[in-house]
Protein backbone atom coordinates (compact mmCIF):
# COMPACT_ATOMS: atom_id res chain seq x y z
CA MET A 1 1.28 -23.30 19.28
CA LYS A 2 -0.88 -21.88 16.52
CA ARG A 3 -3.30 -24.35 14.98
CA ILE A 4 -4.37 -23.91 11.35
CA LEU A 5 -7.80 -25.11 10.34
CA ALA A 6 -8.97 -25.37 6.72
CA LEU A 7 -12.52 -24.66 5.61
CA ALA A 8 -14.21 -27.45 3.69
CA THR A 9 -16.12 -26.57 0.58
CA ALA A 10 -19.01 -28.83 1.52
CA SER A 11 -21.97 -27.34 3.32
CA ALA A 12 -20.94 -29.05 6.54
CA LEU A 13 -17.71 -27.01 6.46
CA ALA A 14 -15.61 -29.77 7.97
CA LEU A 15 -12.33 -28.68 9.54
CA THR A 16 -8.89 -30.18 8.98
CA LEU A 17 -6.43 -29.65 11.83
CA LEU A 18 -2.82 -28.97 10.99
CA VAL A 19 -0.73 -28.69 14.12
CA GLY A 20 2.72 -27.18 14.50
CA CYS A 21 3.02 -24.56 11.79
CA ASP A 22 6.62 -23.34 11.89
CA LYS A 23 7.40 -19.67 12.24
CA LYS A 24 8.36 -18.58 8.76
CA GLY A 25 11.58 -20.35 7.86
CA GLU A 26 12.64 -20.74 11.49
CA GLY A 27 11.07 -24.04 12.51
CA GLY A 28 10.08 -22.40 15.80
CA THR A 29 7.24 -23.55 18.03
CA SER A 30 5.35 -21.83 20.79
CA SER A 31 5.73 -22.69 24.43
CA LYS A 32 2.08 -21.83 25.11
CA SER A 33 -0.23 -24.59 26.31
CA ASN A 34 -2.28 -26.50 23.76
CA SER A 35 -5.33 -25.60 25.86
CA PRO A 36 -5.05 -21.89 26.62
CA SER A 37 -7.59 -20.14 28.76
CA ASN A 38 -10.52 -18.40 27.10
CA ASN A 39 -8.96 -15.02 27.90
CA ASP A 40 -5.82 -15.91 25.92
CA THR A 41 -7.52 -17.19 22.76
CA LEU A 42 -8.53 -15.76 19.38
CA VAL A 43 -10.12 -17.44 16.33
CA VAL A 44 -9.28 -15.86 12.94
CA TYR A 45 -11.08 -16.72 9.70
CA THR A 46 -8.79 -15.69 6.83
CA ALA A 47 -8.64 -15.83 3.04
CA ARG A 48 -5.22 -14.24 2.86
CA SER A 49 -1.95 -15.88 1.75
CA GLU A 50 0.04 -18.16 4.01
CA SER A 51 3.01 -15.77 4.09
CA LEU A 52 0.85 -12.83 5.15
CA ASN A 53 -1.03 -14.93 7.72
CA ASN A 54 2.27 -16.03 9.21
CA ALA A 55 3.77 -12.54 9.28
CA VAL A 56 0.81 -11.00 11.06
CA ILE A 57 -0.64 -13.79 13.19
CA GLU A 58 2.52 -15.42 14.46
CA ASN A 59 4.01 -12.05 15.41
CA PHE A 60 0.74 -11.15 17.14
CA GLU A 61 0.97 -14.35 19.17
CA ALA A 62 4.58 -13.69 20.10
CA ASP A 63 3.97 -10.06 21.07
CA THR A 64 0.73 -10.52 23.00
CA GLY A 65 0.80 -14.08 24.33
CA ILE A 66 -2.66 -14.64 22.82
CA HIS A 67 -3.14 -18.06 21.22
CA VAL A 68 -4.62 -17.95 17.71
CA ASP A 69 -6.59 -20.64 15.90
CA VAL A 70 -6.49 -19.89 12.17
CA VAL A 71 -9.30 -21.04 9.87
CA THR A 72 -8.31 -20.70 6.21
CA GLY A 73 -10.45 -20.79 3.10
CA GLY A 74 -11.43 -18.89 -0.01
CA THR A 75 -13.15 -15.54 0.38
CA GLY A 76 -16.57 -16.98 -0.39
CA GLU A 77 -16.07 -19.83 2.07
CA VAL A 78 -15.00 -17.50 4.87
CA LEU A 79 -17.93 -15.14 4.37
CA LYS A 80 -20.37 -18.04 4.11
CA ARG A 81 -19.12 -19.39 7.41
CA VAL A 82 -19.48 -16.03 9.17
CA LYS A 83 -23.08 -15.77 7.94
CA SER A 84 -24.02 -19.36 8.76
CA GLU A 85 -22.71 -19.02 12.32
CA SER A 86 -24.30 -15.64 13.00
CA ALA A 87 -26.76 -17.02 15.57
CA ASN A 88 -23.89 -18.62 17.49
CA PRO A 89 -20.53 -17.10 16.41
CA GLN A 90 -17.53 -19.40 16.61
CA GLY A 91 -14.96 -17.03 15.14
CA ASP A 92 -13.71 -13.63 16.25
CA ILE A 93 -12.03 -12.14 13.17
CA CYS A 94 -12.94 -12.17 9.48
CA TRP A 95 -9.94 -11.25 7.33
CA ALA A 96 -11.19 -11.41 3.76
CA ALA A 97 -12.18 -9.22 0.82
CA ASP A 98 -12.44 -5.49 0.21
CA GLU A 99 -15.15 -3.09 1.37
CA SER A 100 -17.31 -3.55 -1.72
CA MET A 101 -17.54 -7.33 -1.22
CA LEU A 102 -18.11 -6.94 2.51
CA LYS A 103 -20.93 -4.43 2.22
CA ASP A 104 -23.63 -7.11 2.06
CA TYR A 105 -22.19 -8.75 5.18
CA ALA A 106 -21.98 -5.64 7.36
CA GLU A 107 -24.77 -6.86 9.64
CA TYR A 108 -22.57 -9.79 10.69
CA PHE A 109 -19.71 -7.56 11.86
CA GLU A 110 -19.18 -5.68 15.12
CA PRO A 111 -18.92 -1.88 14.88
CA TYR A 112 -15.33 -0.96 15.71
CA VAL A 113 -12.94 1.75 14.54
CA SER A 114 -9.42 1.23 15.82
CA PRO A 115 -7.52 4.15 17.38
CA GLU A 116 -4.86 3.29 14.75
CA ASP A 117 -7.30 4.19 11.96
CA GLU A 118 -6.24 7.83 11.93
CA LYS A 119 -2.73 6.75 10.86
CA MET A 120 -3.92 4.92 7.75
CA LEU A 121 -3.66 6.50 4.29
CA ASP A 122 -6.63 8.79 3.57
CA ASN A 123 -8.20 6.48 1.00
CA TYR A 124 -7.93 3.49 3.33
CA LYS A 125 -9.56 4.60 6.54
CA ASN A 126 -12.42 2.63 8.06
CA LYS A 127 -15.36 4.43 6.43
CA SER A 128 -17.91 1.68 7.08
CA GLY A 129 -17.35 1.59 10.83
CA VAL A 130 -17.02 -2.21 10.76
CA SER A 131 -14.31 -3.16 8.24
CA ALA A 132 -10.78 -1.72 8.28
CA PRO A 133 -8.60 -1.84 5.13
CA ALA A 134 -5.24 -3.26 6.18
CA PHE A 135 -3.24 -4.34 3.12
CA CYS A 136 -3.48 -3.97 -0.65
CA ASP A 137 -2.44 -6.17 -3.58
CA PRO A 138 -2.87 -4.02 -6.72
CA THR A 139 -3.32 -5.13 -10.33
CA VAL A 140 -0.05 -4.85 -12.27
CA PHE A 141 1.93 -6.15 -15.23
CA ILE A 142 4.93 -8.40 -14.75
CA VAL A 143 7.40 -7.86 -17.61
CA ASN A 144 10.33 -10.07 -18.56
CA THR A 145 13.02 -7.44 -19.13
CA ASP A 146 15.29 -9.76 -21.13
CA LEU A 147 12.57 -10.71 -23.61
CA ALA A 148 10.72 -7.39 -23.87
CA GLY A 149 13.87 -5.47 -24.70
CA ASP A 150 12.94 -2.08 -26.20
CA ILE A 151 9.21 -2.84 -26.54
CA GLU A 152 7.25 -0.22 -24.59
CA ILE A 153 4.93 -1.84 -22.05
CA ASN A 154 3.61 0.95 -19.89
CA GLY A 155 -0.14 0.48 -20.03
CA PHE A 156 -3.13 -1.40 -21.39
CA GLU A 157 -2.94 0.27 -24.79
CA ASP A 158 0.57 -1.15 -25.23
CA LEU A 159 -0.85 -4.66 -24.91
CA LEU A 160 -2.34 -4.20 -28.41
CA ASN A 161 1.15 -3.96 -29.96
CA PRO A 162 1.40 -6.63 -32.72
CA ALA A 163 4.92 -7.41 -31.47
CA LEU A 164 3.31 -8.89 -28.35
CA LYS A 165 0.92 -11.23 -30.18
CA GLY A 166 1.05 -14.61 -28.45
CA LYS A 167 3.51 -13.22 -25.90
CA ILE A 168 0.99 -12.07 -23.26
CA ALA A 169 0.06 -14.20 -20.26
CA ALA A 170 -3.44 -13.70 -18.88
CA GLY A 171 -5.74 -15.90 -16.84
CA ASP A 172 -9.36 -16.78 -17.40
CA PRO A 173 -11.49 -13.98 -15.86
CA VAL A 174 -14.43 -16.38 -15.53
CA ASN A 175 -12.57 -18.59 -13.07
CA SER A 176 -9.71 -16.47 -11.71
CA SER A 177 -10.26 -13.48 -9.40
CA SER A 178 -6.90 -11.95 -10.31
CA ALA A 179 -7.60 -12.30 -14.04
CA PHE A 180 -11.03 -10.76 -13.57
CA GLN A 181 -9.64 -7.78 -11.66
CA CYS A 182 -6.96 -7.25 -14.32
CA LEU A 183 -9.62 -7.35 -17.04
CA ILE A 184 -11.72 -4.83 -15.11
CA ALA A 185 -8.71 -2.56 -14.72
CA GLY A 186 -8.19 -2.67 -18.49
CA LEU A 187 -11.86 -1.98 -19.22
CA TYR A 188 -11.95 0.97 -16.83
CA GLY A 189 -8.65 2.36 -18.07
CA MET A 190 -9.35 2.01 -21.78
CA GLY A 191 -13.02 2.94 -21.34
CA HIS A 192 -12.05 6.25 -19.74
CA GLY A 193 -13.90 5.32 -16.56
CA ASP A 194 -16.75 3.40 -18.21
CA PRO A 195 -16.00 -0.36 -18.33
CA MET A 196 -19.00 -1.07 -20.57
CA SER A 197 -18.24 1.62 -23.14
CA GLU A 198 -17.55 0.98 -26.80
CA ASP A 199 -13.91 2.02 -26.34
CA ALA A 200 -13.47 -0.41 -23.46
CA TRP A 201 -14.72 -3.40 -25.42
CA LYS A 202 -12.90 -2.39 -28.58
CA TRP A 203 -9.76 -2.67 -26.46
CA ALA A 204 -10.93 -6.04 -25.09
CA GLU A 205 -11.40 -7.34 -28.63
CA GLY A 206 -7.87 -6.32 -29.62
CA PHE A 207 -6.47 -7.70 -26.36
CA ILE A 208 -8.08 -11.11 -26.94
CA ALA A 209 -6.69 -11.14 -30.47
CA ASN A 210 -3.19 -10.45 -29.14
CA LEU A 211 -3.64 -13.30 -26.65
CA ASP A 212 -4.26 -15.56 -29.66
CA GLY A 213 -7.48 -16.42 -27.84
CA VAL A 214 -5.60 -18.28 -25.08
CA SER A 215 -6.43 -17.84 -21.38
CA LEU A 216 -4.26 -19.65 -18.85
CA SER A 217 -6.01 -21.95 -16.42
CA SER A 218 -4.41 -20.71 -13.20
CA SER A 219 -3.18 -17.37 -11.92
CA SER A 220 0.23 -18.82 -11.00
CA GLN A 221 0.85 -19.76 -14.64
CA VAL A 222 0.80 -16.06 -15.50
CA TYR A 223 3.66 -14.82 -13.37
CA LYS A 224 5.61 -18.08 -13.60
CA GLY A 225 5.28 -18.06 -17.38
CA VAL A 226 6.75 -14.57 -17.58
CA ALA A 227 9.50 -15.20 -15.03
CA GLU A 228 10.51 -18.42 -16.79
CA GLY A 229 10.68 -16.78 -20.22
CA GLU A 230 7.59 -18.22 -21.87
CA TYR A 231 5.85 -14.82 -22.15
CA TYR A 232 6.99 -11.21 -22.40
CA VAL A 233 4.31 -9.75 -20.12
CA GLY A 234 1.59 -10.98 -17.78
CA LEU A 235 -1.41 -9.45 -16.01
CA THR A 236 -1.29 -10.29 -12.31
CA TRP A 237 -1.12 -9.03 -8.69
CA GLU A 238 1.76 -7.00 -7.29
CA ASP A 239 2.65 -9.57 -4.61
CA PRO A 240 3.96 -12.46 -6.78
CA ALA A 241 5.47 -10.07 -9.35
CA ALA A 242 7.35 -8.06 -6.72
CA ALA A 243 8.55 -11.30 -5.10
CA TYR A 244 10.39 -12.15 -8.33
CA VAL A 245 11.96 -8.68 -8.36
CA ARG A 246 13.05 -9.15 -4.75
CA ASP A 247 14.60 -12.52 -5.64
CA GLY A 248 16.67 -11.06 -8.48
CA VAL A 249 14.76 -12.51 -11.44
CA SER A 250 14.96 -10.48 -14.68
CA VAL A 251 11.46 -9.05 -14.43
CA LYS A 252 9.96 -5.72 -13.46
CA VAL A 253 6.62 -4.61 -12.06
CA VAL A 254 4.68 -2.12 -14.18
CA PHE A 255 1.70 -0.21 -12.83
CA PRO A 256 -0.42 0.60 -15.92
CA GLU A 257 -0.33 4.27 -16.79
CA GLU A 258 -4.11 4.25 -17.29
CA GLY A 259 -4.50 3.16 -13.66
CA ALA A 260 -4.44 0.19 -11.29
CA ILE A 261 -7.12 -1.21 -8.99
CA MET A 262 -5.94 -0.46 -5.44
CA SER A 263 -8.73 -1.82 -3.24
CA GLY A 264 -7.83 -2.50 0.39
CA GLN A 265 -8.31 -5.98 1.87
CA CYS A 266 -10.16 -5.58 5.16
CA VAL A 267 -10.16 -7.01 8.67
CA SER A 268 -13.48 -7.14 10.55
CA ILE A 269 -14.61 -8.27 14.00
CA ILE A 270 -17.41 -10.83 13.84
CA LYS A 271 -20.55 -9.65 15.66
CA GLY A 272 -20.85 -11.36 19.03
CA ALA A 273 -17.26 -12.62 18.86
CA PRO A 274 -16.53 -14.98 21.78
CA HIS A 275 -13.22 -13.21 22.46
CA MET A 276 -14.20 -9.60 21.78
CA ASP A 277 -11.39 -7.89 23.68
CA ASN A 278 -8.75 -10.00 21.93
CA ALA A 279 -10.42 -9.33 18.57
CA LYS A 280 -10.07 -5.58 19.11
CA LYS A 281 -6.44 -6.06 20.13
CA PHE A 282 -5.86 -7.97 16.89
CA VAL A 283 -7.31 -5.21 14.71
CA ASP A 284 -5.25 -2.61 16.58
CA TYR A 285 -2.15 -4.74 16.15
CA MET A 286 -2.70 -5.31 12.42
CA LEU A 287 -3.10 -1.59 11.77
CA GLY A 288 -0.24 -0.64 14.08
CA GLU A 289 3.08 0.69 12.81
CA LYS A 290 5.09 -2.35 13.95
CA CYS A 291 2.96 -4.87 12.03
CA GLN A 292 2.45 -2.68 8.96
CA SER A 293 6.16 -1.88 8.63
CA TYR A 294 7.15 -5.49 9.26
CA VAL A 295 5.00 -6.59 6.33
CA GLY A 296 6.19 -3.69 4.17
CA LYS A 297 9.86 -4.43 4.86
CA ASN A 298 9.75 -8.23 4.70
CA LEU A 299 6.97 -9.23 2.29
CA THR A 300 5.72 -8.09 -1.11
CA VAL A 301 2.23 -7.21 0.16
CA ARG A 302 1.52 -3.48 0.35
CA PRO A 303 0.68 -2.06 3.81
CA LEU A 304 -1.84 0.80 4.01
CA ARG A 305 -0.58 2.77 6.99
CA ALA A 306 0.80 6.19 6.05
CA ASP A 307 4.06 5.79 7.99
CA ALA A 308 4.72 2.14 7.08
CA GLU A 309 8.08 1.38 5.50
CA LEU A 310 8.29 -0.31 2.09
CA ASN A 311 11.08 -2.52 0.76
CA ASP A 312 12.75 -1.75 -2.56
CA SER A 313 10.75 -4.37 -4.48
CA LEU A 314 7.51 -2.43 -3.87
CA THR A 315 6.79 0.53 -6.15
CA PRO A 316 6.62 3.86 -4.25
CA TRP A 317 3.09 5.21 -3.85
CA ASP A 318 3.98 8.38 -5.76
CA ASN A 319 4.71 6.32 -8.88
CA ILE A 320 1.26 4.69 -8.98
CA VAL A 321 -1.83 5.93 -10.82
CA PRO A 322 -4.94 4.54 -9.08
CA LEU A 323 -8.17 3.93 -10.97
CA ASP A 324 -10.26 6.49 -9.11
CA SER A 325 -13.30 5.66 -11.24
CA TYR A 326 -13.31 2.04 -10.07
CA ASP A 327 -16.61 1.13 -8.40
CA GLY A 328 -16.23 -2.15 -6.54
CA GLU A 329 -19.90 -2.44 -5.69
CA TRP A 330 -20.94 -2.02 -9.32
CA VAL A 331 -18.32 -4.54 -10.45
CA ALA A 332 -19.46 -7.11 -7.88
CA ALA A 333 -23.08 -6.70 -8.96
CA ASN A 334 -22.25 -6.99 -12.67
CA LYS A 335 -19.50 -9.61 -12.66
CA ALA A 336 -21.64 -12.25 -14.37
CA SER A 337 -22.60 -10.01 -17.29
CA ILE A 338 -18.99 -8.81 -17.71
CA THR A 339 -17.53 -12.32 -17.82
CA GLU A 340 -20.32 -13.48 -20.12
CA LYS A 341 -19.54 -10.70 -22.56
CA TYR A 342 -15.82 -11.45 -22.39
CA SER A 343 -16.51 -15.13 -23.07
CA GLU A 344 -18.59 -14.17 -26.12
CA TYR A 345 -15.70 -12.08 -27.46
CA LEU A 346 -13.31 -14.97 -26.82
CA GLU A 347 -15.65 -17.39 -28.60
CA ASN A 348 -16.01 -15.03 -31.55
CA PHE A 349 -12.23 -14.87 -31.85
CA GLY A 350 -12.07 -18.66 -32.03
CA GLY A 351 -14.87 -18.75 -34.55
């Protein structure tokens, strides 16, 4: 049966063993031995959600007979572990972050381009030769349709509407990755491609004023607050917003007309992986039509294969405007200065 290990935040990176993770909602267990042979084993380091881990990894186990040990943690924790173990790799797969964040870690990954790569959408092919974009969770608005009524909420400019003052849910971009990405999307969109322009920060000033200077402490408060009727609109990821649509809650997902950040979350093989052949099989499986369509049909995470099927709660690709000007590498390098400037604006509002 699949074992799930959790990364510790301490430098020792202690592991907590959780045995017997049920197959999603089915309470199923595997008949495989608790001590599989080396040829039937794979170790995956992942920063992805539990639902996505289960959908991909448990199906991979069932379809291939390969036993998977799953090590979970935040993106920074996973990447730190890969780097710290580089002289003696313990993991096989790193499933965390987009290409821009992974660029500085390329030396720790094995060169590999899956034969499935040619079936991925053009903007999501493996251009680095080491990291393959597999799924995407874009920046969106979640709108409570009962509360918003006739108020137009189609883009970032609409968030300056006085009718929305105190009715917008947004996280703290200093401490929340989703809130930071949503802020960046707004700065790029309203700055006409330049997130540090005067227009971009004029929008930020008006946005903060319409927030009444309040940033929520956790990303889950954003989409829950909108779904439960506390706010009219929230800035969040597509996954939790689309899940509410799927479950029949009176909300809708809005992709901002100025553009959304559509970066692909990548899977990489760790250089010197102990189970190299199985690692390559895993990448091939994740990018394959069966896995991609399973996720697209059953979850609210967006697959990146061109022929993958999508369920009705996911917005069709043709209805999405991507932020083509978005530069992930620049954003990663300048995150501190961006959040510092935002904090200054927030402080000025309070003053």
